[in-house]
Amino acid sequence: MTRNAEVVVLALDADEVMEPLTRDDERRTWRGRFEPIRSQWGDSFGCGWAVEFDRMRPRSGLLKHLESLPWPRPESVQVLIHDEEDDCFGLWMIQDGRLVEVSLPRTRRFHDPAPPNDEFPPAPGYLWRIDQPGAFPEQTPEEARDQRPAW
């Protein structure tokens, strides 16, 4: 399924950890490679990497992979994800060794019901600003959502 998404990783002192993710690797569950974010002021901003996905399946397992890495400063790790259906980037941070989505003010993630089978990739839901005019769907109950990780 086509659904573009951008992912930005910000982490201090993480060049060595992120370097392998700047190359393609068929052994990973997710497909793609991060590009370092370069500053217009030389080396003053050296803590960011970005990747873009044009489909949903190639990104499966990304967050699990990122949380398994030996971050020198895990408290600084921030993962920003913007799916094409989102109103803004979502934020994930390491808490108790896991990457978890951090609630952002005036936003809410809405989920569709789970697909009928595993033929469809897991969907991350939609992060929408709720301070904007318009109607929002009724939230799908937790037990009716796809339990597979979308990232």
N, C-alpha and C. Protein backbone atom coordinates (compact mmCIF):
# COMPACT_ATOMS: atom_id res chain seq x y z
N MET A 1 0.84 -1.17 0.00
CA MET A 1 0.00 0.00 0.00
C MET A 1 0.89 1.24 0.00
N THR A 2 0.55 2.21 -0.83
CA THR A 2 1.29 3.45 -0.88
C THR A 2 0.83 4.38 0.24
N ARG A 3 1.76 4.86 0.99
CA ARG A 3 1.48 5.85 2.03
C ARG A 3 2.84 6.40 2.43
N ASN A 4 3.23 7.52 1.84
CA ASN A 4 4.54 8.11 2.09
C ASN A 4 4.69 8.51 3.55
N ALA A 5 5.93 8.44 4.01
CA ALA A 5 6.23 8.87 5.38
C ALA A 5 7.68 9.31 5.46
N GLU A 6 7.91 10.33 6.27
CA GLU A 6 9.26 10.80 6.55
C GLU A 6 9.57 10.49 8.01
N VAL A 7 10.81 10.07 8.24
CA VAL A 7 11.27 9.78 9.59
C VAL A 7 12.56 10.55 9.83
N VAL A 8 12.62 11.25 10.94
CA VAL A 8 13.81 11.98 11.34
C VAL A 8 14.24 11.44 12.70
N VAL A 9 15.52 11.11 12.83
CA VAL A 9 16.08 10.68 14.11
C VAL A 9 17.04 11.76 14.57
N LEU A 10 16.83 12.22 15.80
CA LEU A 10 17.73 13.18 16.44
C LEU A 10 18.31 12.48 17.66
N ALA A 11 19.62 12.49 17.78
CA ALA A 11 20.27 11.83 18.92
C ALA A 11 21.68 12.38 19.07
N LEU A 12 22.04 12.70 20.28
CA LEU A 12 23.37 13.25 20.55
C LEU A 12 24.43 12.15 20.57
N ASP A 13 25.59 12.46 20.04
CA ASP A 13 26.75 11.55 20.05
C ASP A 13 26.44 10.20 19.42
N ALA A 14 25.63 10.18 18.37
CA ALA A 14 25.15 8.91 17.81
C ALA A 14 25.68 8.62 16.40
N ASP A 15 26.73 9.31 15.98
CA ASP A 15 27.27 9.06 14.63
C ASP A 15 27.62 7.60 14.41
N GLU A 16 28.29 7.00 15.37
CA GLU A 16 28.72 5.60 15.24
C GLU A 16 27.52 4.65 15.20
N VAL A 17 26.51 4.93 16.01
CA VAL A 17 25.31 4.08 16.04
C VAL A 17 24.53 4.19 14.73
N MET A 18 24.42 5.40 14.21
CA MET A 18 23.61 5.62 13.01
C MET A 18 24.34 5.28 11.71
N GLU A 19 25.64 5.24 11.72
CA GLU A 19 26.40 5.01 10.48
C GLU A 19 25.95 3.76 9.72
N PRO A 20 25.75 2.60 10.36
CA PRO A 20 25.29 1.44 9.59
C PRO A 20 23.91 1.64 8.95
N LEU A 21 23.10 2.53 9.52
CA LEU A 21 21.76 2.76 8.98
C LEU A 21 21.77 3.70 7.78
N THR A 22 22.96 4.20 7.42
CA THR A 22 23.09 5.05 6.23
C THR A 22 23.39 4.21 4.99
N ARG A 23 23.41 2.88 5.17
CA ARG A 23 23.65 1.95 4.06
C ARG A 23 22.47 0.98 3.97
N ASP A 24 22.18 0.53 2.75
CA ASP A 24 21.15 -0.50 2.58
C ASP A 24 21.63 -1.79 3.23
N ASP A 25 20.69 -2.55 3.80
CA ASP A 25 21.02 -3.82 4.44
C ASP A 25 19.79 -4.72 4.32
N GLU A 26 19.89 -5.74 3.48
CA GLU A 26 18.77 -6.65 3.23
C GLU A 26 18.41 -7.50 4.46
N ARG A 27 19.27 -7.54 5.47
CA ARG A 27 18.98 -8.33 6.67
C ARG A 27 18.00 -7.64 7.60
N ARG A 28 17.80 -6.33 7.45
CA ARG A 28 16.87 -5.60 8.31
C ARG A 28 15.43 -5.89 7.90
N THR A 29 14.52 -5.77 8.86
CA THR A 29 13.09 -5.95 8.55
C THR A 29 12.55 -4.76 7.76
N TRP A 30 13.15 -3.60 7.90
CA TRP A 30 12.72 -2.41 7.18
C TRP A 30 13.71 -2.13 6.07
N ARG A 31 13.25 -1.43 5.03
CA ARG A 31 14.09 -1.16 3.87
C ARG A 31 14.29 0.35 3.72
N GLY A 32 15.50 0.73 3.47
CA GLY A 32 15.83 2.13 3.27
C GLY A 32 17.14 2.45 3.96
N ARG A 33 17.53 3.71 3.87
CA ARG A 33 18.74 4.14 4.55
C ARG A 33 18.59 5.61 4.94
N PHE A 34 19.13 5.93 6.07
CA PHE A 34 19.08 7.29 6.58
C PHE A 34 20.16 8.14 5.92
N GLU A 35 19.85 9.40 5.74
CA GLU A 35 20.80 10.38 5.24
C GLU A 35 21.08 11.36 6.37
N PRO A 36 22.34 11.70 6.61
CA PRO A 36 22.63 12.70 7.64
C PRO A 36 22.00 14.04 7.25
N ILE A 37 21.50 14.75 8.23
CA ILE A 37 20.97 16.09 8.01
C ILE A 37 22.13 17.05 8.16
N ARG A 38 22.39 17.78 7.12
CA ARG A 38 23.52 18.71 7.09
C ARG A 38 23.06 20.11 7.44
N SER A 39 23.90 20.84 8.15
CA SER A 39 23.61 22.21 8.53
C SER A 39 24.16 23.20 7.51
N GLN A 40 23.52 24.31 7.40
CA GLN A 40 24.06 25.36 6.53
C GLN A 40 25.26 26.03 7.17
N TRP A 41 25.52 25.74 8.44
CA TRP A 41 26.65 26.33 9.17
C TRP A 41 27.76 25.33 9.40
N GLY A 42 27.97 24.42 8.50
CA GLY A 42 29.05 23.44 8.65
C GLY A 42 28.67 22.31 9.57
N ASP A 43 29.55 21.99 10.51
CA ASP A 43 29.34 20.85 11.41
C ASP A 43 28.58 21.21 12.68
N SER A 44 27.92 22.35 12.72
CA SER A 44 27.27 22.76 13.95
C SER A 44 26.04 21.92 14.29
N PHE A 45 25.45 21.25 13.30
CA PHE A 45 24.29 20.41 13.56
C PHE A 45 24.60 19.03 13.04
N GLY A 46 25.07 18.16 13.91
CA GLY A 46 25.47 16.84 13.47
C GLY A 46 24.75 15.75 14.22
N CYS A 47 23.51 15.98 14.60
CA CYS A 47 22.82 14.97 15.41
C CYS A 47 21.52 14.51 14.77
N GLY A 48 21.37 14.66 13.44
CA GLY A 48 20.12 14.28 12.81
C GLY A 48 20.31 13.46 11.56
N TRP A 49 19.35 12.56 11.32
CA TRP A 49 19.33 11.70 10.14
C TRP A 49 17.89 11.58 9.68
N ALA A 50 17.69 11.44 8.37
CA ALA A 50 16.33 11.36 7.84
C ALA A 50 16.23 10.28 6.77
N VAL A 51 15.04 9.70 6.65
CA VAL A 51 14.73 8.71 5.62
C VAL A 51 13.28 8.92 5.20
N GLU A 52 12.99 8.59 3.96
CA GLU A 52 11.62 8.68 3.47
C GLU A 52 11.21 7.31 2.95
N PHE A 53 9.98 6.94 3.27
CA PHE A 53 9.42 5.68 2.81
C PHE A 53 8.26 5.99 1.88
N ASP A 54 8.15 5.23 0.78
CA ASP A 54 7.05 5.47 -0.14
C ASP A 54 5.97 4.40 -0.06
N ARG A 55 6.16 3.44 0.81
CA ARG A 55 5.16 2.39 1.02
C ARG A 55 5.15 2.01 2.51
N MET A 56 4.14 1.27 2.92
CA MET A 56 4.02 0.92 4.32
C MET A 56 4.86 -0.31 4.71
N ARG A 57 4.86 -1.35 3.90
CA ARG A 57 5.59 -2.57 4.27
C ARG A 57 7.09 -2.35 4.53
N PRO A 58 7.79 -1.55 3.71
CA PRO A 58 9.24 -1.40 3.92
C PRO A 58 9.64 -0.72 5.23
N ARG A 59 8.69 -0.18 5.95
CA ARG A 59 9.04 0.48 7.21
C ARG A 59 8.74 -0.36 8.45
N SER A 60 8.15 -1.52 8.25
CA SER A 60 7.81 -2.39 9.39
C SER A 60 9.07 -2.81 10.14
N GLY A 61 9.04 -2.65 11.43
CA GLY A 61 10.16 -3.04 12.27
C GLY A 61 11.16 -1.93 12.56
N LEU A 62 10.96 -0.75 11.98
CA LEU A 62 11.91 0.35 12.16
C LEU A 62 12.06 0.76 13.62
N LEU A 63 10.96 1.00 14.31
CA LEU A 63 11.07 1.45 15.71
C LEU A 63 11.70 0.38 16.59
N LYS A 64 11.37 -0.86 16.38
CA LYS A 64 11.96 -1.96 17.16
C LYS A 64 13.48 -1.99 16.94
N HIS A 65 13.89 -1.80 15.70
CA HIS A 65 15.31 -1.78 15.39
C HIS A 65 15.99 -0.59 16.08
N LEU A 66 15.39 0.59 15.96
CA LEU A 66 15.99 1.77 16.57
C LEU A 66 16.10 1.63 18.10
N GLU A 67 15.08 1.07 18.73
CA GLU A 67 15.15 0.96 20.19
C GLU A 67 16.17 -0.09 20.64
N SER A 68 16.57 -0.97 19.75
CA SER A 68 17.55 -2.01 20.12
C SER A 68 19.00 -1.53 20.01
N LEU A 69 19.21 -0.36 19.45
CA LEU A 69 20.57 0.13 19.22
C LEU A 69 21.23 0.61 20.51
N PRO A 70 22.56 0.52 20.58
CA PRO A 70 23.29 0.92 21.79
C PRO A 70 23.54 2.44 21.83
N TRP A 71 22.49 3.20 22.05
CA TRP A 71 22.61 4.66 22.05
C TRP A 71 23.51 5.12 23.18
N PRO A 72 24.51 5.97 22.90
CA PRO A 72 25.37 6.46 23.97
C PRO A 72 24.62 7.39 24.93
N ARG A 73 23.58 8.07 24.41
CA ARG A 73 22.77 8.96 25.25
C ARG A 73 21.29 8.74 24.93
N PRO A 74 20.73 7.62 25.41
CA PRO A 74 19.34 7.28 25.05
C PRO A 74 18.33 8.36 25.44
N GLU A 75 18.64 9.14 26.45
CA GLU A 75 17.72 10.21 26.86
C GLU A 75 17.59 11.30 25.80
N SER A 76 18.52 11.35 24.85
CA SER A 76 18.48 12.38 23.81
C SER A 76 17.80 11.91 22.52
N VAL A 77 17.47 10.62 22.44
CA VAL A 77 16.91 10.08 21.20
C VAL A 77 15.47 10.56 21.01
N GLN A 78 15.24 11.17 19.85
CA GLN A 78 13.90 11.59 19.46
C GLN A 78 13.67 11.11 18.03
N VAL A 79 12.55 10.45 17.81
CA VAL A 79 12.20 10.00 16.47
C VAL A 79 10.93 10.74 16.08
N LEU A 80 11.02 11.47 14.98
CA LEU A 80 9.89 12.24 14.47
C LEU A 80 9.37 11.54 13.23
N ILE A 81 8.07 11.27 13.20
CA ILE A 81 7.48 10.55 12.07
C ILE A 81 6.29 11.34 11.55
N HIS A 82 6.32 11.57 10.23
CA HIS A 82 5.20 12.23 9.57
C HIS A 82 4.71 11.32 8.44
N ASP A 83 3.57 10.72 8.66
CA ASP A 83 2.92 9.91 7.65
C ASP A 83 2.10 10.86 6.77
N GLU A 84 1.90 10.54 5.52
CA GLU A 84 1.23 11.48 4.61
C GLU A 84 -0.18 11.85 5.07
N GLU A 85 -0.81 11.05 5.89
CA GLU A 85 -2.16 11.36 6.38
C GLU A 85 -2.14 12.15 7.68
N ASP A 86 -0.97 12.40 8.24
CA ASP A 86 -0.87 13.11 9.52
C ASP A 86 -0.90 14.62 9.31
N ASP A 87 -1.42 15.33 10.30
CA ASP A 87 -1.40 16.79 10.28
C ASP A 87 -0.04 17.35 10.70
N CYS A 88 0.71 16.58 11.47
CA CYS A 88 2.00 17.04 11.95
C CYS A 88 2.88 15.82 12.28
N PHE A 89 4.14 16.08 12.57
CA PHE A 89 5.03 14.99 12.97
C PHE A 89 4.63 14.47 14.34
N GLY A 90 4.70 13.15 14.52
CA GLY A 90 4.56 12.54 15.83
C GLY A 90 5.95 12.39 16.45
N LEU A 91 6.02 12.28 17.75
CA LEU A 91 7.28 12.20 18.47
C LEU A 91 7.34 10.91 19.28
N TRP A 92 8.44 10.16 19.10
CA TRP A 92 8.71 8.96 19.89
C TRP A 92 10.01 9.19 20.65
N MET A 93 10.04 8.77 21.90
CA MET A 93 11.25 8.88 22.71
C MET A 93 11.44 7.58 23.48
N ILE A 94 12.67 7.34 23.90
CA ILE A 94 12.96 6.12 24.66
C ILE A 94 12.53 6.32 26.11
N GLN A 95 11.67 5.43 26.56
CA GLN A 95 11.22 5.39 27.95
C GLN A 95 11.30 3.95 28.41
N ASP A 96 12.04 3.72 29.47
CA ASP A 96 12.22 2.36 30.00
C ASP A 96 12.70 1.39 28.91
N GLY A 97 13.62 1.87 28.06
CA GLY A 97 14.22 1.02 27.03
C GLY A 97 13.40 0.82 25.78
N ARG A 98 12.23 1.47 25.69
CA ARG A 98 11.36 1.30 24.52
C ARG A 98 11.06 2.65 23.89
N LEU A 99 10.92 2.66 22.58
CA LEU A 99 10.47 3.87 21.89
C LEU A 99 8.95 3.93 21.99
N VAL A 100 8.46 4.98 22.61
CA VAL A 100 7.02 5.15 22.78
C VAL A 100 6.61 6.51 22.24
N GLU A 101 5.40 6.57 21.72
CA GLU A 101 4.91 7.84 21.21
C GLU A 101 4.58 8.75 22.38
N VAL A 102 5.03 9.98 22.28
CA VAL A 102 4.79 10.99 23.30
C VAL A 102 3.57 11.80 22.85
N SER A 103 2.63 11.98 23.75
CA SER A 103 1.44 12.77 23.42
C SER A 103 1.82 14.23 23.20
N LEU A 104 1.33 14.78 22.12
CA LEU A 104 1.57 16.18 21.81
C LEU A 104 0.29 16.96 22.10
N PRO A 105 0.42 18.16 22.63
CA PRO A 105 -0.78 18.96 22.92
C PRO A 105 -1.61 19.17 21.66
N ARG A 106 -2.91 19.12 21.84
CA ARG A 106 -3.88 19.40 20.78
C ARG A 106 -3.79 18.47 19.58
N THR A 107 -3.32 17.25 19.82
CA THR A 107 -3.31 16.23 18.77
C THR A 107 -3.93 14.95 19.31
N ARG A 108 -4.34 14.11 18.40
CA ARG A 108 -4.86 12.80 18.77
C ARG A 108 -4.63 11.85 17.62
N ARG A 109 -4.23 10.63 17.95
CA ARG A 109 -4.03 9.60 16.92
C ARG A 109 -5.33 8.79 16.81
N PHE A 110 -5.86 8.75 15.59
CA PHE A 110 -7.07 7.98 15.32
C PHE A 110 -6.68 6.71 14.58
N HIS A 111 -7.36 5.62 14.91
CA HIS A 111 -7.05 4.31 14.32
C HIS A 111 -8.26 3.75 13.59
N ASP A 112 -7.99 3.13 12.45
CA ASP A 112 -9.02 2.37 11.75
C ASP A 112 -9.14 1.00 12.42
N PRO A 113 -10.24 0.30 12.19
CA PRO A 113 -10.32 -1.09 12.66
C PRO A 113 -9.24 -1.94 11.97
N ALA A 114 -8.86 -3.02 12.60
CA ALA A 114 -7.84 -3.92 12.04
C ALA A 114 -8.32 -4.48 10.70
N PRO A 115 -7.37 -4.72 9.79
CA PRO A 115 -7.76 -5.34 8.51
C PRO A 115 -8.21 -6.78 8.74
N PRO A 116 -8.90 -7.35 7.76
CA PRO A 116 -9.44 -8.70 7.95
C PRO A 116 -8.37 -9.80 8.04
N ASN A 117 -7.16 -9.54 7.50
CA ASN A 117 -6.10 -10.55 7.56
C ASN A 117 -4.74 -9.87 7.44
N ASP A 118 -3.68 -10.67 7.53
CA ASP A 118 -2.31 -10.13 7.49
C ASP A 118 -1.84 -9.80 6.07
N GLU A 119 -2.72 -9.94 5.08
CA GLU A 119 -2.37 -9.56 3.72
C GLU A 119 -2.08 -8.05 3.64
N PHE A 120 -2.72 -7.30 4.51
CA PHE A 120 -2.55 -5.85 4.54
C PHE A 120 -1.49 -5.49 5.58
N PRO A 121 -0.63 -4.52 5.27
CA PRO A 121 0.37 -4.13 6.27
C PRO A 121 -0.30 -3.41 7.43
N PRO A 122 0.32 -3.44 8.62
CA PRO A 122 -0.26 -2.73 9.76
C PRO A 122 -0.25 -1.22 9.52
N ALA A 123 -1.30 -0.55 9.93
CA ALA A 123 -1.42 0.90 9.72
C ALA A 123 -1.14 1.64 11.02
N PRO A 124 -0.46 2.78 10.94
CA PRO A 124 -0.11 3.52 12.15
C PRO A 124 -1.22 4.41 12.69
N GLY A 125 -2.33 4.53 11.98
CA GLY A 125 -3.36 5.47 12.39
C GLY A 125 -3.03 6.84 11.80
N TYR A 126 -3.73 7.84 12.26
CA TYR A 126 -3.60 9.20 11.73
C TYR A 126 -3.43 10.17 12.90
N LEU A 127 -2.38 10.95 12.87
CA LEU A 127 -2.16 11.96 13.90
C LEU A 127 -2.76 13.27 13.41
N TRP A 128 -3.83 13.69 14.04
CA TRP A 128 -4.54 14.88 13.60
C TRP A 128 -4.54 15.94 14.69
N ARG A 129 -4.47 17.17 14.26
CA ARG A 129 -4.66 18.31 15.16
C ARG A 129 -6.14 18.37 15.51
N ILE A 130 -6.47 18.40 16.78
CA ILE A 130 -7.88 18.44 17.17
C ILE A 130 -8.33 19.86 17.52
N ASP A 131 -7.43 20.82 17.36
CA ASP A 131 -7.82 22.21 17.60
C ASP A 131 -8.23 22.92 16.31
N GLN A 132 -8.39 22.15 15.24
CA GLN A 132 -8.81 22.68 13.95
C GLN A 132 -10.30 22.39 13.76
N PRO A 133 -10.99 23.22 12.99
CA PRO A 133 -12.41 22.96 12.76
C PRO A 133 -12.60 21.68 11.94
N GLY A 134 -13.71 21.04 12.17
CA GLY A 134 -14.02 19.84 11.41
C GLY A 134 -14.44 18.71 12.34
N ALA A 135 -15.05 17.73 11.75
CA ALA A 135 -15.51 16.57 12.52
C ALA A 135 -14.42 15.51 12.53
N PHE A 136 -14.30 14.83 13.65
CA PHE A 136 -13.34 13.74 13.77
C PHE A 136 -14.09 12.44 13.93
N PRO A 137 -13.51 11.36 13.42
CA PRO A 137 -14.21 10.07 13.54
C PRO A 137 -14.23 9.60 14.99
N GLU A 138 -15.15 8.70 15.25
CA GLU A 138 -15.17 8.06 16.56
C GLU A 138 -13.95 7.14 16.64
N GLN A 139 -13.28 7.16 17.77
CA GLN A 139 -12.07 6.35 17.94
C GLN A 139 -12.42 4.86 17.94
N THR A 140 -11.65 4.09 17.21
CA THR A 140 -11.81 2.64 17.19
C THR A 140 -11.40 2.10 18.56
N PRO A 141 -12.21 1.25 19.18
CA PRO A 141 -11.82 0.69 20.48
C PRO A 141 -10.48 -0.05 20.37
N GLU A 142 -9.72 -0.01 21.43
CA GLU A 142 -8.37 -0.61 21.47
C GLU A 142 -8.39 -2.07 20.98
N GLU A 143 -9.36 -2.84 21.41
CA GLU A 143 -9.40 -4.27 21.06
C GLU A 143 -9.73 -4.51 19.59
N ALA A 144 -10.26 -3.51 18.88
CA ALA A 144 -10.61 -3.67 17.47
C ALA A 144 -9.50 -3.15 16.54
N ARG A 145 -8.44 -2.59 17.11
CA ARG A 145 -7.35 -2.06 16.31
C ARG A 145 -6.37 -3.17 15.94
N ASP A 146 -5.58 -2.92 14.91
CA ASP A 146 -4.52 -3.85 14.51
C ASP A 146 -3.47 -3.84 15.62
N GLN A 147 -3.15 -4.98 16.16
CA GLN A 147 -2.19 -5.07 17.27
C GLN A 147 -0.75 -5.18 16.80
N ARG A 148 -0.54 -5.35 15.51
CA ARG A 148 0.82 -5.43 14.97
C ARG A 148 1.44 -4.03 14.95
N PRO A 149 2.73 -3.91 15.24
CA PRO A 149 3.36 -2.58 15.17
C PRO A 149 3.47 -2.11 13.72
N ALA A 150 3.06 -0.86 13.49
CA ALA A 150 3.12 -0.31 12.13
C ALA A 150 4.53 0.16 11.77
N TRP A 151 5.32 0.41 12.74
CA TRP A 151 6.68 0.88 12.52
C TRP A 151 7.63 -0.13 13.09
